């Protein structure tokens, strides 16, 4: 059995144990009131949502690290190729220089004084001088080219070494981020198991209290036009009643930030994947200036998000067991801030 299979089996056993361990006490604790159980479920649901949004952030980080790793590897490869090309050229020029030195050592006609000594007529001297002038120019050019190429090769080696070091660091960072992402995924799966275990223990009245009252919003109240924010609100309102699913971005199931991403995709805009990242993008909006399409971030750690639809209402995907719905702004959680896209 491979290590990967073993890890998968162990993870599955742990999740089952967590599920079994929580399901019993949720139904059997003698001093636990229905309100206690409902409060516990909401707390577990919020913790799982926090883990889910943190996992989205880890995925964003991993994707960024992966791009950096690929860019660094490509840069290192280019630098190494440049170095190889320069070294090939340097070797060719070295051959020319070596040939000149060898010819000079053997007594070849390489200077004007020699031409004067061996010429037996003015014309012969001119011919000798002309030939030597061409050799001199070529030799000087070869020497200059050799010197410049050698310098460039040394610089290229420094750049190639630095690029290789950067690529190695990028690989290490990506692997560390991958490990963090996998750990967060495992944590989320454990928390999902806990939430589902407690959910199965809720009574009909508790489920009704969890879902809360239904509020309606008339889309005709939206401003007219084809602005991205208006299109996003219209799209989000079509998803009322769809289930909450961790990590889902539609088209018929969502988590909180996934609903925001999907709605704005219908308007041709790409939003960051997590509620925390959505808080860091867009433009800050004061609560008194909210407009339909603005994103409202909830909780001090920005672990939930909804979309303002107007008239004091927000549409959001709240938690497992509660479908996408419209609620008053403050019914979706503790207000943090708002962003406009």
Foldseek 3Di string as FASTA:
>chain_A
DDPVVVVVVVLVVVLVCLLVVQLVCLQPVPPQDLVNLLVVLQVLFLVLLLLLLVLLVLVVVLVVLVVQLVVLVVQLVVLVVVLVVLVVVLVVLVVVLVVVVVCVVVPHLQDLVVLVVPDPDPVSSVVSVVVNVVVVVVNVVSVVVNVVSVVVSVVSVVSSVVSVVSSVVSVVVSVVSVVVSVVSVSVSSSSVSNSVSSVVNRDPVSLDVSQDDADDDDLVPADDDLDLLNQLLVQLVVQFPAFEDRPDQDDRYYAFQSSLQNSSVSSVDGARRHQQRNVVDAAWDDPVRDHRNKKWFADPNRSGIWTDHDPQKTWGRAGGSHGTHIDGPCVRHHTDTIGHD
